[in-house]
């Protein structure tokens, strides 16, 4: 099971997220601060906006047009390595993934 590190302002939390599970669902199930997931992963709220550590950006699937558009309307300014955690499905290749929840989700 891949291990993910969430880096928040106040903590660094490592959790296991099962292969095939979205990063958002893994974060919410572990109570990670800053990941809300209001829409339940339906790509309609951007409350699961994360900043992906540079070394993992190329390991993720390409961003879809819908995800890109949603990030344009996120509460926190979009960064080059911004993604919606509901659109990141965990694989073994993402072992050690490190992300930072965006500052303001709502």
PDB file of N, CA and C in Angstrom:
ATOM      1  N   UNK A   1       0.846  -1.169   0.000  1.00  0.00           N
ATOM      2  CA  UNK A   1       0.000   0.000   0.000  1.00  0.00           C
ATOM      3  C   UNK A   1       0.899   1.243   0.000  1.00  0.00           C
ATOM      4  N   UNK A   2       0.715   2.136  -0.966  1.00  0.00           N
ATOM      5  CA  UNK A   2       1.569   3.323  -1.037  1.00  0.00           C
ATOM      6  C   UNK A   2       1.381   4.243   0.168  1.00  0.00           C
ATOM      7  N   UNK A   3       2.477   4.804   0.587  1.00  0.00           N
ATOM      8  CA  UNK A   3       2.484   5.749   1.709  1.00  0.00           C
ATOM      9  C   UNK A   3       2.561   7.158   1.128  1.00  0.00           C
ATOM     10  N   UNK A   4       1.737   8.060   1.680  1.00  0.00           N
ATOM     11  CA  UNK A   4       1.666   9.444   1.234  1.00  0.00           C
ATOM     12  C   UNK A   4       1.979  10.351   2.414  1.00  0.00           C
ATOM     13  N   UNK A   5       2.713  11.433   2.151  1.00  0.00           N
ATOM     14  CA  UNK A   5       3.003  12.417   3.185  1.00  0.00           C
ATOM     15  C   UNK A   5       2.236  13.697   2.862  1.00  0.00           C
ATOM     16  N   UNK A   6       1.438  14.143   3.835  1.00  0.00           N
ATOM     17  CA  UNK A   6       0.718  15.407   3.742  1.00  0.00           C
ATOM     18  C   UNK A   6       1.446  16.406   4.623  1.00  0.00           C
ATOM     19  N   UNK A   7       1.885  17.501   4.027  1.00  0.00           N
ATOM     20  CA  UNK A   7       2.616  18.527   4.763  1.00  0.00           C
ATOM     21  C   UNK A   7       1.685  19.721   4.935  1.00  0.00           C
ATOM     22  N   UNK A   8       1.286  19.976   6.184  1.00  0.00           N
ATOM     23  CA  UNK A   8       0.434  21.119   6.476  1.00  0.00           C
ATOM     24  C   UNK A   8       1.263  22.168   7.208  1.00  0.00           C
ATOM     25  N   UNK A   9       0.643  23.286   7.506  1.00  0.00           N
ATOM     26  CA  UNK A   9       1.358  24.344   8.223  1.00  0.00           C
ATOM     27  C   UNK A   9       1.852  23.871   9.580  1.00  0.00           C
ATOM     28  N   UNK A  10       1.089  22.984  10.210  1.00  0.00           N
ATOM     29  CA  UNK A  10       1.404  22.582  11.579  1.00  0.00           C
ATOM     30  C   UNK A  10       1.924  21.164  11.731  1.00  0.00           C
ATOM     31  N   UNK A  11       1.908  20.400  10.655  1.00  0.00           N
ATOM     32  CA  UNK A  11       2.311  19.006  10.819  1.00  0.00           C
ATOM     33  C   UNK A  11       2.760  18.370   9.519  1.00  0.00           C
ATOM     34  N   UNK A  12       3.304  17.210   9.681  1.00  0.00           N
ATOM     35  CA  UNK A  12       3.702  16.360   8.559  1.00  0.00           C
ATOM     36  C   UNK A  12       3.137  14.987   8.909  1.00  0.00           C
ATOM     37  N   UNK A  13       2.146  14.535   8.120  1.00  0.00           N
ATOM     38  CA  UNK A  13       1.441  13.300   8.444  1.00  0.00           C
ATOM     39  C   UNK A  13       1.638  12.296   7.325  1.00  0.00           C
ATOM     40  N   UNK A  14       2.055  11.092   7.684  1.00  0.00           N
ATOM     41  CA  UNK A  14       2.221  10.019   6.716  1.00  0.00           C
ATOM     42  C   UNK A  14       1.084   9.024   6.898  1.00  0.00           C
ATOM     43  N   UNK A  15       0.439   8.673   5.789  1.00  0.00           N
ATOM     44  CA  UNK A  15      -0.664   7.718   5.826  1.00  0.00           C
ATOM     45  C   UNK A  15      -0.534   6.736   4.671  1.00  0.00           C
ATOM     46  N   UNK A  16      -1.110   5.555   4.841  1.00  0.00           N
ATOM     47  CA  UNK A  16      -1.189   4.575   3.780  1.00  0.00           C
ATOM     48  C   UNK A  16      -2.508   4.783   3.046  1.00  0.00           C
ATOM     49  N   UNK A  17      -2.444   4.826   1.712  1.00  0.00           N
ATOM     50  CA  UNK A  17      -3.642   4.973   0.886  1.00  0.00           C
ATOM     51  C   UNK A  17      -3.656   3.793  -0.082  1.00  0.00           C
ATOM     52  N   UNK A  18      -4.714   2.980  -0.041  1.00  0.00           N
ATOM     53  CA  UNK A  18      -4.754   1.792  -0.891  1.00  0.00           C
ATOM     54  C   UNK A  18      -4.694   2.113  -2.383  1.00  0.00           C
ATOM     55  N   UNK A  19      -4.045   1.252  -3.137  1.00  0.00           N
ATOM     56  CA  UNK A  19      -4.007   1.350  -4.595  1.00  0.00           C
ATOM     57  C   UNK A  19      -5.450   1.376  -5.092  1.00  0.00           C
ATOM     58  N   UNK A  20      -5.722   2.270  -6.055  1.00  0.00           N
ATOM     59  CA  UNK A  20      -7.057   2.389  -6.615  1.00  0.00           C
ATOM     60  C   UNK A  20      -7.953   3.377  -5.896  1.00  0.00           C
ATOM     61  N   UNK A  21      -7.492   3.903  -4.770  1.00  0.00           N
ATOM     62  CA  UNK A  21      -8.250   4.886  -3.988  1.00  0.00           C
ATOM     63  C   UNK A  21      -7.762   6.279  -4.351  1.00  0.00           C
ATOM     64  N   UNK A  22      -8.679   7.229  -4.426  1.00  0.00           N
ATOM     65  CA  UNK A  22      -8.252   8.599  -4.711  1.00  0.00           C
ATOM     66  C   UNK A  22      -7.507   9.157  -3.503  1.00  0.00           C
ATOM     67  N   UNK A  23      -6.577  10.033  -3.793  1.00  0.00           N
ATOM     68  CA  UNK A  23      -5.822  10.686  -2.731  1.00  0.00           C
ATOM     69  C   UNK A  23      -6.762  11.455  -1.811  1.00  0.00           C
ATOM     70  N   UNK A  24      -7.807  12.072  -2.370  1.00  0.00           N
ATOM     71  CA  UNK A  24      -8.781  12.814  -1.565  1.00  0.00           C
ATOM     72  C   UNK A  24      -9.473  11.892  -0.564  1.00  0.00           C
ATOM     73  N   UNK A  25      -9.930  10.744  -1.017  1.00  0.00           N
ATOM     74  CA  UNK A  25     -10.610   9.814  -0.106  1.00  0.00           C
ATOM     75  C   UNK A  25      -9.662   9.336   0.991  1.00  0.00           C
ATOM     76  N   UNK A  26      -8.422   9.080   0.619  1.00  0.00           N
ATOM     77  CA  UNK A  26      -7.436   8.682   1.625  1.00  0.00           C
ATOM     78  C   UNK A  26      -7.210   9.773   2.649  1.00  0.00           C
ATOM     79  N   UNK A  27      -7.142  11.013   2.204  1.00  0.00           N
ATOM     80  CA  UNK A  27      -6.927  12.145   3.112  1.00  0.00           C
ATOM     81  C   UNK A  27      -8.118  12.339   4.037  1.00  0.00           C
ATOM     82  N   UNK A  28      -9.310  12.317   3.474  1.00  0.00           N
ATOM     83  CA  UNK A  28     -10.513  12.521   4.284  1.00  0.00           C
ATOM     84  C   UNK A  28     -10.666  11.400   5.306  1.00  0.00           C
ATOM     85  N   UNK A  29     -10.403  10.167   4.903  1.00  0.00           N
ATOM     86  CA  UNK A  29     -10.560   9.046   5.838  1.00  0.00           C
ATOM     87  C   UNK A  29      -9.542   9.087   6.973  1.00  0.00           C
ATOM     88  N   UNK A  30      -8.434   9.802   6.768  1.00  0.00           N
ATOM     89  CA  UNK A  30      -7.423   9.946   7.818  1.00  0.00           C
ATOM     90  C   UNK A  30      -7.510  11.305   8.520  1.00  0.00           C
ATOM     91  N   UNK A  31      -8.522  12.105   8.206  1.00  0.00           N
ATOM     92  CA  UNK A  31      -8.715  13.383   8.883  1.00  0.00           C
ATOM     93  C   UNK A  31      -7.631  14.408   8.610  1.00  0.00           C
ATOM     94  N   UNK A  32      -7.092  14.421   7.396  1.00  0.00           N
ATOM     95  CA  UNK A  32      -6.026  15.359   7.058  1.00  0.00           C
ATOM     96  C   UNK A  32      -6.593  16.775   6.978  1.00  0.00           C
ATOM     97  N   UNK A  33      -6.022  17.691   7.750  1.00  0.00           N
ATOM     98  CA  UNK A  33      -6.436  19.088   7.727  1.00  0.00           C
ATOM     99  C   UNK A  33      -6.224  19.684   6.345  1.00  0.00           C
ATOM    100  N   UNK A  34      -7.220  20.432   5.873  1.00  0.00           N
ATOM    101  CA  UNK A  34      -7.090  21.144   4.620  1.00  0.00           C
ATOM    102  C   UNK A  34      -7.638  20.420   3.409  1.00  0.00           C
ATOM    103  N   UNK A  35      -7.996  19.153   3.548  1.00  0.00           N
ATOM    104  CA  UNK A  35      -8.619  18.416   2.449  1.00  0.00           C
ATOM    105  C   UNK A  35     -10.067  18.192   2.849  1.00  0.00           C
ATOM    106  N   UNK A  36     -10.965  18.877   2.136  1.00  0.00           N
ATOM    107  CA  UNK A  36     -12.378  18.827   2.506  1.00  0.00           C
ATOM    108  C   UNK A  36     -13.150  17.841   1.631  1.00  0.00           C
ATOM    109  N   UNK A  37     -13.029  17.975   0.326  1.00  0.00           N
ATOM    110  CA  UNK A  37     -13.718  17.061  -0.584  1.00  0.00           C
ATOM    111  C   UNK A  37     -15.225  17.188  -0.530  1.00  0.00           C
ATOM    112  N   UNK A  38     -15.730  18.419  -0.508  1.00  0.00           N
ATOM    113  CA  UNK A  38     -17.170  18.672  -0.405  1.00  0.00           C
ATOM    114  C   UNK A  38     -18.008  17.918  -1.432  1.00  0.00           C
ATOM    115  N   UNK A  39     -17.512  17.793  -2.657  1.00  0.00           N
ATOM    116  CA  UNK A  39     -18.311  17.172  -3.718  1.00  0.00           C
ATOM    117  C   UNK A  39     -18.162  15.656  -3.740  1.00  0.00           C
ATOM    118  N   UNK A  40     -17.364  15.102  -2.847  1.00  0.00           N
ATOM    119  CA  UNK A  40     -17.187  13.656  -2.797  1.00  0.00           C
ATOM    120  C   UNK A  40     -16.365  13.088  -3.936  1.00  0.00           C
ATOM    121  N   UNK A  41     -15.595  13.941  -4.586  1.00  0.00           N
ATOM    122  CA  UNK A  41     -14.730  13.467  -5.660  1.00  0.00           C
ATOM    123  C   UNK A  41     -15.359  13.558  -7.030  1.00  0.00           C
ATOM    124  N   UNK A  42     -16.380  14.390  -7.185  1.00  0.00           N
ATOM    125  CA  UNK A  42     -17.085  14.515  -8.456  1.00  0.00           C
ATOM    126  C   UNK A  42     -16.537  15.622  -9.355  1.00  0.00           C
ATOM    127  N   UNK A  43     -15.393  16.191  -8.989  1.00  0.00           N
ATOM    128  CA  UNK A  43     -14.731  17.216  -9.800  1.00  0.00           C
ATOM    129  C   UNK A  43     -15.608  18.458  -9.974  1.00  0.00           C
ATOM    130  N   UNK A  44     -16.191  18.901  -8.838  1.00  0.00           N
ATOM    131  CA  UNK A  44     -17.066  20.062  -8.941  1.00  0.00           C
ATOM    132  C   UNK A  44     -16.903  21.066  -7.807  1.00  0.00           C
ATOM    133  N   UNK A  45     -15.816  20.982  -7.020  1.00  0.00           N
ATOM    134  CA  UNK A  45     -15.702  21.948  -5.920  1.00  0.00           C
ATOM    135  C   UNK A  45     -14.289  22.483  -5.673  1.00  0.00           C
ATOM    136  N   UNK A  46     -13.264  21.777  -5.984  1.00  0.00           N
ATOM    137  CA  UNK A  46     -11.858  22.168  -5.764  1.00  0.00           C
ATOM    138  C   UNK A  46     -11.477  22.294  -4.296  1.00  0.00           C
ATOM    139  N   UNK A  47     -12.251  21.682  -3.384  1.00  0.00           N
ATOM    140  CA  UNK A  47     -11.891  21.732  -1.963  1.00  0.00           C
ATOM    141  C   UNK A  47     -10.909  20.624  -1.579  1.00  0.00           C
ATOM    142  N   UNK A  48     -10.322  20.003  -2.586  1.00  0.00           N
ATOM    143  CA  UNK A  48      -9.285  18.999  -2.330  1.00  0.00           C
ATOM    144  C   UNK A  48      -7.998  19.380  -3.049  1.00  0.00           C
ATOM    145  N   UNK A  49      -7.856  20.660  -3.323  1.00  0.00           N
ATOM    146  CA  UNK A  49      -6.693  21.221  -4.029  1.00  0.00           C
ATOM    147  C   UNK A  49      -5.419  20.946  -3.228  1.00  0.00           C
ATOM    148  N   UNK A  50      -4.432  20.364  -3.898  1.00  0.00           N
ATOM    149  CA  UNK A  50      -3.134  20.114  -3.273  1.00  0.00           C
ATOM    150  C   UNK A  50      -2.018  20.608  -4.181  1.00  0.00           C
ATOM    151  N   UNK A  51      -0.888  20.869  -3.565  1.00  0.00           N
ATOM    152  CA  UNK A  51       0.338  21.212  -4.279  1.00  0.00           C
ATOM    153  C   UNK A  51       1.220  19.964  -4.203  1.00  0.00           C
ATOM    154  N   UNK A  52       1.538  19.406  -5.355  1.00  0.00           N
ATOM    155  CA  UNK A  52       2.302  18.159  -5.435  1.00  0.00           C
ATOM    156  C   UNK A  52       3.793  18.482  -5.436  1.00  0.00           C
ATOM    157  N   UNK A  53       4.546  17.742  -4.641  1.00  0.00           N
ATOM    158  CA  UNK A  53       6.005  17.906  -4.629  1.00  0.00           C
ATOM    159  C   UNK A  53       6.537  17.710  -6.043  1.00  0.00           C
ATOM    160  N   UNK A  54       7.454  18.577  -6.444  1.00  0.00           N
ATOM    161  CA  UNK A  54       7.972  18.592  -7.814  1.00  0.00           C
ATOM    162  C   UNK A  54       8.413  17.218  -8.320  1.00  0.00           C
ATOM    163  N   UNK A  55       9.049  16.440  -7.488  1.00  0.00           N
ATOM    164  CA  UNK A  55       9.591  15.157  -7.948  1.00  0.00           C
ATOM    165  C   UNK A  55       8.515  14.136  -8.314  1.00  0.00           C
ATOM    166  N   UNK A  56       7.242  14.429  -7.953  1.00  0.00           N
ATOM    167  CA  UNK A  56       6.154  13.500  -8.268  1.00  0.00           C
ATOM    168  C   UNK A  56       5.266  13.969  -9.414  1.00  0.00           C
ATOM    169  N   UNK A  57       5.413  15.197  -9.846  1.00  0.00           N
ATOM    170  CA  UNK A  57       4.532  15.753 -10.874  1.00  0.00           C
ATOM    171  C   UNK A  57       4.526  14.892 -12.133  1.00  0.00           C
ATOM    172  N   UNK A  58       5.681  14.460 -12.593  1.00  0.00           N
ATOM    173  CA  UNK A  58       5.769  13.673 -13.824  1.00  0.00           C
ATOM    174  C   UNK A  58       5.278  12.236 -13.653  1.00  0.00           C
ATOM    175  N   UNK A  59       5.059  11.794 -12.431  1.00  0.00           N
ATOM    176  CA  UNK A  59       4.552  10.446 -12.191  1.00  0.00           C
ATOM    177  C   UNK A  59       3.025  10.397 -12.235  1.00  0.00           C
ATOM    178  N   UNK A  60       2.393  11.560 -12.246  1.00  0.00           N
ATOM    179  CA  UNK A  60       0.929  11.621 -12.263  1.00  0.00           C
ATOM    180  C   UNK A  60       0.419  11.603 -13.692  1.00  0.00           C
ATOM    181  N   UNK A  61      -0.806  11.105 -13.878  1.00  0.00           N
ATOM    182  CA  UNK A  61      -1.391  11.183 -15.220  1.00  0.00           C
ATOM    183  C   UNK A  61      -1.575  12.645 -15.614  1.00  0.00           C
ATOM    184  N   UNK A  62      -1.659  12.890 -16.903  1.00  0.00           N
ATOM    185  CA  UNK A  62      -1.865  14.258 -17.384  1.00  0.00           C
ATOM    186  C   UNK A  62      -3.156  14.824 -16.805  1.00  0.00           C
ATOM    187  N   UNK A  63      -3.133  16.116 -16.559  1.00  0.00           N
ATOM    188  CA  UNK A  63      -4.306  16.790 -16.028  1.00  0.00           C
ATOM    189  C   UNK A  63      -5.375  16.883 -17.118  1.00  0.00           C
ATOM    190  N   UNK A  64      -6.602  16.620 -16.750  1.00  0.00           N
ATOM    191  CA  UNK A  64      -7.698  16.703 -17.725  1.00  0.00           C
ATOM    192  C   UNK A  64      -8.138  18.159 -17.888  1.00  0.00           C
ATOM    193  N   UNK A  65      -8.835  18.432 -18.960  1.00  0.00           N
ATOM    194  CA  UNK A  65      -9.361  19.784 -19.191  1.00  0.00           C
ATOM    195  C   UNK A  65     -10.310  20.189 -18.072  1.00  0.00           C
ATOM    196  N   UNK A  66     -11.134  19.259 -17.608  1.00  0.00           N
ATOM    197  CA  UNK A  66     -12.091  19.565 -16.533  1.00  0.00           C
ATOM    198  C   UNK A  66     -11.370  19.896 -15.225  1.00  0.00           C
ATOM    199  N   UNK A  67     -10.335  19.132 -14.893  1.00  0.00           N
ATOM    200  CA  UNK A  67      -9.571  19.411 -13.678  1.00  0.00           C
ATOM    201  C   UNK A  67      -8.855  20.754 -13.798  1.00  0.00           C
ATOM    202  N   UNK A  68      -8.280  21.021 -14.944  1.00  0.00           N
ATOM    203  CA  UNK A  68      -7.587  22.283 -15.165  1.00  0.00           C
ATOM    204  C   UNK A  68      -8.537  23.471 -14.996  1.00  0.00           C
ATOM    205  N   UNK A  69      -9.724  23.357 -15.560  1.00  0.00           N
ATOM    206  CA  UNK A  69     -10.714  24.426 -15.433  1.00  0.00           C
ATOM    207  C   UNK A  69     -11.137  24.623 -13.980  1.00  0.00           C
ATOM    208  N   UNK A  70     -11.351  23.533 -13.263  1.00  0.00           N
ATOM    209  CA  UNK A  70     -11.754  23.635 -11.851  1.00  0.00           C
ATOM    210  C   UNK A  70     -10.651  24.301 -11.032  1.00  0.00           C
ATOM    211  N   UNK A  71      -9.389  23.990 -11.312  1.00  0.00           N
ATOM    212  CA  UNK A  71      -8.285  24.615 -10.586  1.00  0.00           C
ATOM    213  C   UNK A  71      -8.227  26.121 -10.834  1.00  0.00           C
ATOM    214  N   UNK A  72      -8.684  26.559 -11.993  1.00  0.00           N
ATOM    215  CA  UNK A  72      -8.719  27.995 -12.279  1.00  0.00           C
ATOM    216  C   UNK A  72      -9.680  28.737 -11.352  1.00  0.00           C
ATOM    217  N   UNK A  73     -10.632  28.013 -10.784  1.00  0.00           N
ATOM    218  CA  UNK A  73     -11.626  28.626  -9.900  1.00  0.00           C
ATOM    219  C   UNK A  73     -11.421  28.251  -8.434  1.00  0.00           C
ATOM    220  N   UNK A  74     -10.310  27.623  -8.112  1.00  0.00           N
ATOM    221  CA  UNK A  74     -10.032  27.225  -6.727  1.00  0.00           C
ATOM    222  C   UNK A  74      -9.855  28.450  -5.834  1.00  0.00           C
ATOM    223  N   UNK A  75     -10.156  28.283  -4.552  1.00  0.00           N
ATOM    224  CA  UNK A  75     -10.062  29.384  -3.589  1.00  0.00           C
ATOM    225  C   UNK A  75      -8.626  29.886  -3.437  1.00  0.00           C
ATOM    226  N   UNK A  76      -7.658  28.992  -3.538  1.00  0.00           N
ATOM    227  CA  UNK A  76      -6.251  29.350  -3.448  1.00  0.00           C
ATOM    228  C   UNK A  76      -5.672  29.406  -4.853  1.00  0.00           C
ATOM    229  N   UNK A  77      -4.839  30.395  -5.102  1.00  0.00           N
ATOM    230  CA  UNK A  77      -4.259  30.555  -6.433  1.00  0.00           C
ATOM    231  C   UNK A  77      -3.581  29.274  -6.904  1.00  0.00           C
ATOM    232  N   UNK A  78      -3.829  28.965  -8.131  1.00  0.00           N
ATOM    233  CA  UNK A  78      -3.255  27.781  -8.762  1.00  0.00           C
ATOM    234  C   UNK A  78      -1.745  27.937  -8.917  1.00  0.00           C
ATOM    235  N   UNK A  79      -1.019  26.847  -8.664  1.00  0.00           N
ATOM    236  CA  UNK A  79       0.424  26.775  -8.848  1.00  0.00           C
ATOM    237  C   UNK A  79       0.713  25.841 -10.026  1.00  0.00           C
ATOM    238  N   UNK A  80       1.922  25.869 -10.581  1.00  0.00           N
ATOM    239  CA  UNK A  80       2.248  24.953 -11.688  1.00  0.00           C
ATOM    240  C   UNK A  80       2.077  23.472 -11.317  1.00  0.00           C
ATOM    241  N   UNK A  81       2.238  23.153 -10.045  1.00  0.00           N
ATOM    242  CA  UNK A  81       2.120  21.770  -9.590  1.00  0.00           C
ATOM    243  C   UNK A  81       0.840  21.535  -8.779  1.00  0.00           C
ATOM    244  N   UNK A  82      -0.180  22.367  -9.011  1.00  0.00           N
ATOM    245  CA  UNK A  82      -1.483  22.178  -8.376  1.00  0.00           C
ATOM    246  C   UNK A  82      -2.225  21.025  -9.027  1.00  0.00           C
ATOM    247  N   UNK A  83      -2.905  20.251  -8.198  1.00  0.00           N
ATOM    248  CA  UNK A  83      -3.796  19.192  -8.678  1.00  0.00           C
ATOM    249  C   UNK A  83      -4.965  19.089  -7.710  1.00  0.00           C
ATOM    250  N   UNK A  84      -6.029  18.448  -8.169  1.00  0.00           N
ATOM    251  CA  UNK A  84      -7.142  18.104  -7.290  1.00  0.00           C
ATOM    252  C   UNK A  84      -6.903  16.679  -6.825  1.00  0.00           C
ATOM    253  N   UNK A  85      -6.867  16.495  -5.518  1.00  0.00           N
ATOM    254  CA  UNK A  85      -6.523  15.172  -4.996  1.00  0.00           C
ATOM    255  C   UNK A  85      -7.576  14.122  -5.327  1.00  0.00           C
ATOM    256  N   UNK A  86      -8.793  14.546  -5.665  1.00  0.00           N
ATOM    257  CA  UNK A  86      -9.813  13.571  -6.082  1.00  0.00           C
ATOM    258  C   UNK A  86      -9.480  12.958  -7.432  1.00  0.00           C
ATOM    259  N   UNK A  87      -8.600  13.586  -8.178  1.00  0.00           N
ATOM    260  CA  UNK A  87      -8.241  13.101  -9.510  1.00  0.00           C
ATOM    261  C   UNK A  87      -6.929  12.316  -9.523  1.00  0.00           C
ATOM    262  N   UNK A  88      -6.328  12.163  -8.360  1.00  0.00           N
ATOM    263  CA  UNK A  88      -5.100  11.376  -8.240  1.00  0.00           C
ATOM    264  C   UNK A  88      -5.478  10.018  -7.658  1.00  0.00           C
ATOM    265  N   UNK A  89      -5.421   9.002  -8.480  1.00  0.00           N
ATOM    266  CA  UNK A  89      -5.733   7.642  -8.026  1.00  0.00           C
ATOM    267  C   UNK A  89      -4.408   6.966  -7.691  1.00  0.00           C
ATOM    268  N   UNK A  90      -4.341   6.431  -6.498  1.00  0.00           N
ATOM    269  CA  UNK A  90      -3.092   5.875  -6.004  1.00  0.00           C
ATOM    270  C   UNK A  90      -2.682   4.611  -6.763  1.00  0.00           C
ATOM    271  N   UNK A  91      -1.381   4.548  -7.044  1.00  0.00           N
ATOM    272  CA  UNK A  91      -0.743   3.388  -7.652  1.00  0.00           C
ATOM    273  C   UNK A  91       0.519   3.096  -6.855  1.00  0.00           C
ATOM    274  N   UNK A  92       1.084   1.930  -7.067  1.00  0.00           N
ATOM    275  CA  UNK A  92       2.340   1.598  -6.383  1.00  0.00           C
ATOM    276  C   UNK A  92       3.451   2.567  -6.764  1.00  0.00           C
ATOM    277  N   UNK A  93       3.397   3.105  -7.987  1.00  0.00           N
ATOM    278  CA  UNK A  93       4.423   4.036  -8.457  1.00  0.00           C
ATOM    279  C   UNK A  93       4.409   5.354  -7.681  1.00  0.00           C
ATOM    280  N   UNK A  94       3.322   5.625  -6.974  1.00  0.00           N
ATOM    281  CA  UNK A  94       3.226   6.870  -6.198  1.00  0.00           C
ATOM    282  C   UNK A  94       3.677   6.702  -4.755  1.00  0.00           C
ATOM    283  N   UNK A  95       4.329   5.596  -4.455  1.00  0.00           N
ATOM    284  CA  UNK A  95       4.890   5.385  -3.117  1.00  0.00           C
ATOM    285  C   UNK A  95       5.740   6.588  -2.732  1.00  0.00           C
ATOM    286  N   UNK A  96       5.472   7.151  -1.549  1.00  0.00           N
ATOM    287  CA  UNK A  96       6.239   8.278  -1.048  1.00  0.00           C
ATOM    288  C   UNK A  96       5.722   9.630  -1.519  1.00  0.00           C
ATOM    289  N   UNK A  97       4.607   9.645  -2.257  1.00  0.00           N
ATOM    290  CA  UNK A  97       4.025  10.896  -2.737  1.00  0.00           C
ATOM    291  C   UNK A  97       3.925  11.912  -1.600  1.00  0.00           C
ATOM    292  N   UNK A  98       4.337  13.140  -1.887  1.00  0.00           N
ATOM    293  CA  UNK A  98       4.281  14.213  -0.904  1.00  0.00           C
ATOM    294  C   UNK A  98       3.466  15.346  -1.480  1.00  0.00           C
ATOM    295  N   UNK A  99       2.464  15.791  -0.711  1.00  0.00           N
ATOM    296  CA  UNK A  99       1.601  16.888  -1.150  1.00  0.00           C
ATOM    297  C   UNK A  99       1.357  17.842   0.008  1.00  0.00           C
ATOM    298  N   UNK A 100       1.011  19.063  -0.363  1.00  0.00           N
ATOM    299  CA  UNK A 100       0.651  20.078   0.627  1.00  0.00           C
ATOM    300  C   UNK A 100      -0.759  20.556   0.288  1.00  0.00           C
ATOM    301  N   UNK A 101      -1.712  20.427   1.226  1.00  0.00           N
ATOM    302  CA  UNK A 101      -3.034  20.990   0.964  1.00  0.00           C
ATOM    303  C   UNK A 101      -2.921  22.485   0.701  1.00  0.00           C
ATOM    304  N   UNK A 102      -3.664  22.974  -0.270  1.00  0.00           N
ATOM    305  CA  UNK A 102      -3.663  24.415  -0.552  1.00  0.00           C
ATOM    306  C   UNK A 102      -4.200  25.158   0.666  1.00  0.00           C
ATOM    307  N   UNK A 103      -3.774  26.389   0.842  1.00  0.00           N
ATOM    308  CA  UNK A 103      -4.109  27.148   2.042  1.00  0.00           C
ATOM    309  C   UNK A 103      -5.603  27.260   2.318  1.00  0.00           C
ATOM    310  N   UNK A 104      -6.342  27.910   1.474  1.00  0.00           N
ATOM    311  CA  UNK A 104      -7.771  28.116   1.723  1.00  0.00           C
ATOM    312  C   UNK A 104      -8.588  27.281   0.759  1.00  0.00           C
ATOM    313  N   UNK A 105      -9.373  26.368   1.290  1.00  0.00           N
ATOM    314  CA  UNK A 105     -10.167  25.498   0.439  1.00  0.00           C
ATOM    315  C   UNK A 105     -11.587  26.018   0.219  1.00  0.00           C
ATOM    316  N   UNK A 106     -12.040  26.872   1.096  1.00  0.00           N
ATOM    317  CA  UNK A 106     -13.397  27.437   0.923  1.00  0.00           C
ATOM    318  C   UNK A 106     -13.377  28.925   1.197  1.00  0.00           C
TER     319      UNK A 106
END
